[in-house]
Protein backbone atom coordinates (compact mmCIF):
# COMPACT_ATOMS: atom_id res chain seq x y z
CA MET A 1 -0.35 -0.24 0.22
CA SER A 2 1.02 3.49 -0.27
CA PHE A 3 2.13 5.64 2.67
CA TYR A 4 -1.50 7.36 2.14
CA SER A 5 -3.66 4.36 1.49
CA TYR A 6 -6.63 4.35 4.47
CA LYS A 7 -5.07 0.83 5.03
CA ASN A 8 -2.10 2.31 6.37
CA SER A 9 -2.32 1.11 9.86
CA ASN A 10 0.77 3.32 11.38
CA PRO A 11 -0.39 6.40 9.24
CA CYS A 12 1.50 8.45 12.22
CA CYS A 13 4.65 7.29 10.97
CA CYS A 14 4.28 8.27 7.79
CA PRO A 15 4.82 11.97 5.44
CA GLY A 16 2.13 14.25 5.66
CA THR A 17 0.27 16.97 7.91
CA ILE A 18 0.90 17.50 11.41
CA SER A 19 -1.32 17.23 13.92
CA GLY A 20 -0.87 18.96 17.86
CA ASN A 21 2.43 19.84 18.38
CA ALA A 22 5.23 19.62 15.65
CA LEU A 23 8.08 18.97 18.32
CA ASP A 24 6.47 16.03 19.54
CA GLY A 25 8.47 12.51 17.88
CA LEU A 26 11.50 14.48 17.12
CA GLN A 27 14.06 12.15 17.58
CA GLU A 28 18.04 13.36 16.49
CA LYS A 29 19.58 16.06 14.43
CA VAL A 30 20.46 14.67 11.07
CA CYS A 31 22.88 15.51 8.43
CA VAL A 32 21.66 15.49 5.15
CA GLN A 33 23.60 16.48 1.55
CA VAL A 34 21.24 18.50 -0.63
CA LYS A 35 21.17 21.09 -3.33
CA ARG A 36 20.40 24.38 -1.36
CA VAL A 37 18.29 27.02 -3.24
CA TYR A 38 19.88 30.15 -2.63
CA ASP A 39 17.59 31.89 -5.09
CA SER A 40 15.52 31.24 -8.47
CA CYS A 41 13.04 32.84 -10.20
CA LEU A 42 10.20 32.31 -12.90
CA GLN A 43 9.46 33.37 -16.15
CA GLN A 44 6.76 32.53 -18.60
CA GLU A 45 6.39 34.00 -21.93
CA GLN A 46 4.32 33.46 -25.18
CA LEU A 47 7.26 33.09 -28.40
CA ASP A 48 5.34 33.86 -31.12
CA ASP A 49 6.73 33.13 -34.81
CA LYS A 50 9.87 31.19 -33.29
CA GLU A 51 11.81 29.02 -36.10
CA VAL A 52 12.92 26.04 -35.29
CA VAL A 53 15.19 23.33 -37.42
CA ILE A 54 14.55 19.70 -36.98
CA THR A 55 17.73 17.75 -36.45
CA SER A 56 16.54 14.57 -36.69
CA TYR A 57 13.38 12.49 -37.26
CA ALA A 58 11.70 9.20 -36.31
CA MET A 59 8.83 7.45 -37.80
CA VAL A 60 5.63 7.07 -35.30
CA ALA A 61 4.81 3.10 -35.30
CA ASN A 62 1.50 2.42 -35.98
CA ASN A 63 0.65 -0.31 -33.91
CA CYS A 64 -1.10 1.49 -31.18
CA ASN A 65 -4.73 1.15 -30.22
CA CYS A 66 -6.38 4.16 -30.06
CA ASN A 67 -9.14 6.39 -31.98
CA CYS A 68 -6.71 9.14 -32.99
CA GLY A 69 -7.05 8.96 -36.65
CA CYS A 70 -3.60 9.17 -38.33
CA GLY A 71 -1.63 8.65 -35.20
CA CYS A 72 -1.49 8.66 -31.07
CA ASP A 73 -0.21 11.25 -28.87
CA ALA A 74 3.74 11.23 -28.77
CA ASP A 75 4.08 10.33 -24.84
CA THR A 76 2.30 6.87 -25.70
CA THR A 77 4.07 5.37 -29.27
CA GLU A 78 7.17 4.14 -29.91
CA THR A 79 9.07 5.75 -32.40
CA VAL A 80 10.88 3.82 -35.49
CA PRO A 81 13.89 4.48 -37.82
CA PRO A 82 12.40 6.14 -41.01
CA THR A 83 11.97 4.01 -43.96
CA SER A 84 11.42 7.07 -45.96
CA ALA A 85 11.47 10.97 -46.19
CA PRO A 86 8.74 12.66 -44.96
CA VAL A 87 6.69 13.42 -48.37
CA PRO A 88 5.12 17.04 -48.75
CA PRO A 89 2.80 18.63 -47.94
CA ILE A 90 3.56 18.31 -44.20
CA THR A 91 1.41 19.58 -41.54
CA PHE A 92 2.31 20.69 -38.08
CA GLU A 93 0.38 18.22 -35.37
CA SER A 94 1.78 19.65 -31.85
CA CYS A 95 4.92 19.93 -29.89
CA ARG A 96 6.20 19.75 -26.20
CA SER A 97 9.44 19.66 -23.94
CA THR A 98 11.18 16.62 -23.86
CA THR A 99 12.36 16.82 -20.25
CA THR A 100 12.20 19.45 -17.25
CA GLU A 101 16.31 20.31 -17.66
CA GLY A 102 17.54 22.87 -19.87
CA THR A 103 20.92 23.73 -21.07
CA ILE A 104 22.72 26.43 -19.83
CA ARG A 105 24.93 28.40 -22.17
CA ASN A 106 27.05 31.69 -22.84
CA LEU A 107 26.62 32.47 -18.96
CA THR A 108 27.37 35.73 -17.27
CA VAL A 109 27.60 36.53 -14.10
CA GLU A 110 28.47 40.21 -12.84
CA ARG A 111 28.14 41.17 -9.57
CA LEU A 112 26.04 44.63 -8.72
CA CYS A 113 28.37 47.51 -6.95
CA ASP A 114 25.09 48.73 -5.48
CA ARG A 115 23.29 46.10 -4.66
CA PRO A 116 25.14 43.83 -2.28
CA CYS A 117 24.75 39.76 -2.74
CA PHE A 118 22.88 40.52 -6.50
CA ALA A 119 24.05 40.01 -9.57
CA ARG A 120 22.97 40.72 -13.31
CA VAL A 121 22.90 37.06 -14.77
CA ARG A 122 22.89 36.45 -18.40
CA CYS A 123 22.55 33.51 -20.64
CA LYS A 124 20.84 31.56 -23.36
CA ILE A 125 18.59 28.21 -22.44
CA ASP A 126 18.03 25.71 -24.66
CA VAL A 127 14.93 23.84 -24.24
CA PRO A 128 14.82 20.34 -26.20
CA ILE A 129 11.28 19.87 -27.94
CA ASP A 130 9.69 17.21 -29.71
CA ILE A 131 7.84 18.26 -32.93
CA LEU A 132 4.82 15.99 -34.02
CA PHE A 133 3.93 16.39 -37.76
CA VAL A 134 2.11 14.09 -41.04
CA ASP A 135 3.20 13.80 -44.44
CA SER A 136 0.74 13.81 -47.18
CA ARG A 137 0.78 10.17 -46.90
CA CYS A 138 -0.85 10.20 -43.32
CA VAL A 139 2.58 9.29 -41.94
CA GLU A 140 3.05 10.45 -38.82
CA TYR A 141 6.88 11.48 -37.51
CA ILE A 142 8.65 13.11 -34.63
CA GLY A 143 11.48 15.50 -35.30
CA LYS A 144 13.94 17.00 -32.51
CA GLY A 145 14.52 20.43 -32.19
CA VAL A 146 15.80 22.95 -29.58
CA ILE A 147 14.01 26.38 -28.77
CA THR A 148 16.81 29.06 -27.07
CA VAL A 149 15.46 31.14 -24.74
CA ASP A 150 17.46 34.57 -23.48
CA LYS A 151 17.57 35.65 -20.17
CA ASP A 152 18.69 38.76 -18.55
CA VAL A 153 17.81 38.92 -14.40
CA LEU A 154 18.43 39.70 -11.41
CA LEU A 155 18.94 36.78 -8.70
CA SER A 156 20.66 36.97 -5.33
CA ILE A 157 24.24 35.09 -5.99
CA PRO A 158 26.20 33.90 -2.54
CA ASP A 159 29.32 35.00 -1.51
CA GLU A 160 32.42 32.97 -2.66
CA SER A 161 32.96 29.40 -1.19
CA ILE A 162 35.07 26.58 -1.64
CA VAL A 163 32.54 24.09 -2.76
CA PRO A 164 31.19 26.88 -5.37
CA TYR A 165 27.58 27.66 -6.60
CA CYS A 166 26.07 26.91 -9.69
CA LEU A 167 22.87 28.02 -12.10
CA GLU A 168 20.42 25.44 -13.30
CA SER A 169 17.27 25.83 -15.11
CA MET A 170 13.81 23.83 -15.02
CA VAL A 171 11.71 24.29 -18.30
CA SER A 172 8.38 23.54 -19.80
CA ALA A 173 7.31 24.39 -23.25
CA ILE A 174 4.39 23.49 -25.31
CA CYS A 175 2.78 24.87 -28.52
CA VAL A 176 -0.08 26.64 -29.64
CA ALA A 177 0.40 26.76 -33.16
CA GLY A 178 2.57 25.95 -35.80
CA SER A 179 3.45 25.50 -39.44
CA TYR A 180 6.41 24.07 -41.89
CA GLU A 181 8.54 26.26 -43.74
CA GLY A 182 10.35 23.81 -45.89
CA ASN A 183 14.15 22.34 -45.15
CA ASN A 184 13.61 21.11 -41.89
CA LYS A 185 12.08 24.57 -40.32
CA PHE A 186 9.26 25.12 -38.49
CA LYS A 187 7.49 28.14 -37.17
CA LEU A 188 5.72 27.94 -34.13
CA THR A 189 4.15 29.88 -31.32
CA VAL A 190 5.49 28.37 -28.08
CA CYS A 191 4.36 28.59 -24.54
CA VAL A 192 7.66 28.50 -22.05
CA THR A 193 8.34 28.47 -18.61
CA VAL A 194 11.75 28.81 -17.49
CA VAL A 195 12.92 28.48 -13.62
CA LEU A 196 16.66 29.98 -13.36
CA LYS A 197 17.93 28.39 -9.58
CA VAL A 198 21.47 29.24 -8.27
CA LEU A 199 22.22 26.07 -6.27
CA ALA A 200 24.91 24.42 -4.18
CA GLN A 201 25.88 21.00 -3.24
CA VAL A 202 25.76 21.07 0.78
CA GLU A 203 25.21 19.21 4.19
CA ILE A 204 22.98 20.54 6.15
CA LEU A 205 21.47 19.73 9.55
CA ILE A 206 17.94 19.40 9.93
CA PRO A 207 15.93 17.80 12.87
CA SER A 208 14.42 14.20 11.86
CA TYR A 209 11.61 11.84 13.03
CA GLY A 210 13.79 8.77 12.44
CA PHE A 211 13.84 6.85 9.58
CA CYS A 212 10.41 6.27 7.36
CA PRO A 213 8.79 2.74 7.45
CA ILE A 214 8.06 1.64 4.23
CA PRO A 215 4.75 0.00 4.27
CA PRO A 216 4.32 -3.04 1.89
CA CYS A 217 2.93 -2.56 -1.64
CA GLU A 218 -0.73 -2.71 -2.17
CA GLU A 219 -1.43 -5.17 -5.67
CA PHE A 220 -3.95 -3.59 -7.73
CA ALA A 221 -7.31 -5.41 -7.18
CA GLU A 222 -11.08 -3.88 -8.34
CA ASN A 223 -12.51 -4.75 -4.81
CA VAL A 224 -15.31 -2.16 -5.06
CA CYS A 225 -16.39 -2.49 -1.44
CA ASP A 226 -12.75 -1.49 -0.05
CA GLU A 227 -13.66 1.96 0.42
CA PHE A 228 -16.98 1.37 1.43
CA PHE A 229 -16.14 -0.82 4.21
CA SER A 230 -13.74 1.47 5.61
CA LEU A 231 -16.69 4.20 5.95
CA PRO A 232 -17.67 4.54 9.83
CA LEU A 233 -20.56 2.44 10.86
CA PHE A 234 -22.87 5.44 12.10
CA PRO A 235 -22.52 9.09 11.12
CA PRO A 236 -19.99 10.73 13.63
CA ALA A 237 -21.21 13.92 16.03
CA SER A 238 -20.11 17.17 15.05
CA LEU A 239 -18.94 18.74 17.96
CA CYS A 240 -19.90 22.80 17.79
CA ASN A 241 -18.64 25.04 19.62
CA ASN A 242 -20.37 28.15 20.84
CA ASP A 243 -19.16 30.72 17.85
CA ASP A 244 -19.90 27.89 15.32
CA VAL A 245 -23.21 27.41 16.70
CA ALA A 246 -24.11 31.01 16.10
CA LEU A 247 -22.51 31.27 12.78
CA ARG A 248 -24.29 28.17 11.43
CA ASN A 249 -27.85 29.42 13.06
CA ALA A 250 -27.14 32.80 11.35
CA ALA A 251 -26.47 31.52 8.20
CA CYS A 252 -29.71 29.11 8.46
CA ASN A 253 -31.91 31.78 9.50
CA THR A 254 -30.94 33.92 6.42
CA GLY A 255 -31.56 31.30 4.09
CA SER A 256 -27.87 30.27 3.12
CA ALA A 257 -27.59 27.24 1.58
CA CYS A 258 -25.82 25.53 4.13
CA GLY A 259 -27.25 21.50 3.46
CA CYS A 260 -28.05 19.72 6.38
CA ASN A 261 -25.25 21.13 8.91
CA CYS A 262 -26.49 23.77 10.54
CA CYS A 263 -26.24 22.97 14.46
CA ARG A 264 -28.56 23.74 17.00
CA ARG A 265 -29.16 23.49 20.49
CA SER A 266 -32.29 23.79 22.18
């Protein structure tokens, strides 16, 4: 079963929300090795008429069992080496990023004298994408391309240390529209999200509740009655304090839609 299954008999030792005092159950201080985020920023933008040249392509296997016209979603299909080149005219279908990790290049970091701890960060971020298209024979292809985004932002940069900081990017892109321009070139309208992060690999001391007990896996079975049988036999009583009673009675008296949950006292 999972940590969050209703069958878990020991939910108090699982990840989740804390009820009561958060200090209850703390056992030790633990040193963990993590990537600490010193600063980050998010930018979302629409890129219109972005030209992307595909560097390679593959054919989409036609052995899927879905009713979607000429092909299937790129995330659920297999690709095979092309047995023939696409035959024009070529019709754009869709595109999206293939990974959440962008490639940063041409990076420059310029510290600002008038803003301590801040720096001007300029770079180019490459976002790999898959472009789905069909040719005149209704043969479906997936092409590999890259969208490049220019960034010029302000970020808080840590001071110099033995362990250096680094910059990483988290990216996502999806196409709104597109067309084929010829010579393996597409013109796309793309929605791009880029998160730029200043990181360092550090060892940090954190409080710990001890090791997490891993529950056994719950085999999938369509036991439709399990969730119903897990409900309490009788409806639990709703405990209302005086403030709740006053508010709910006022809502009921004014005709508010409160269902059957209005608590009244005689």
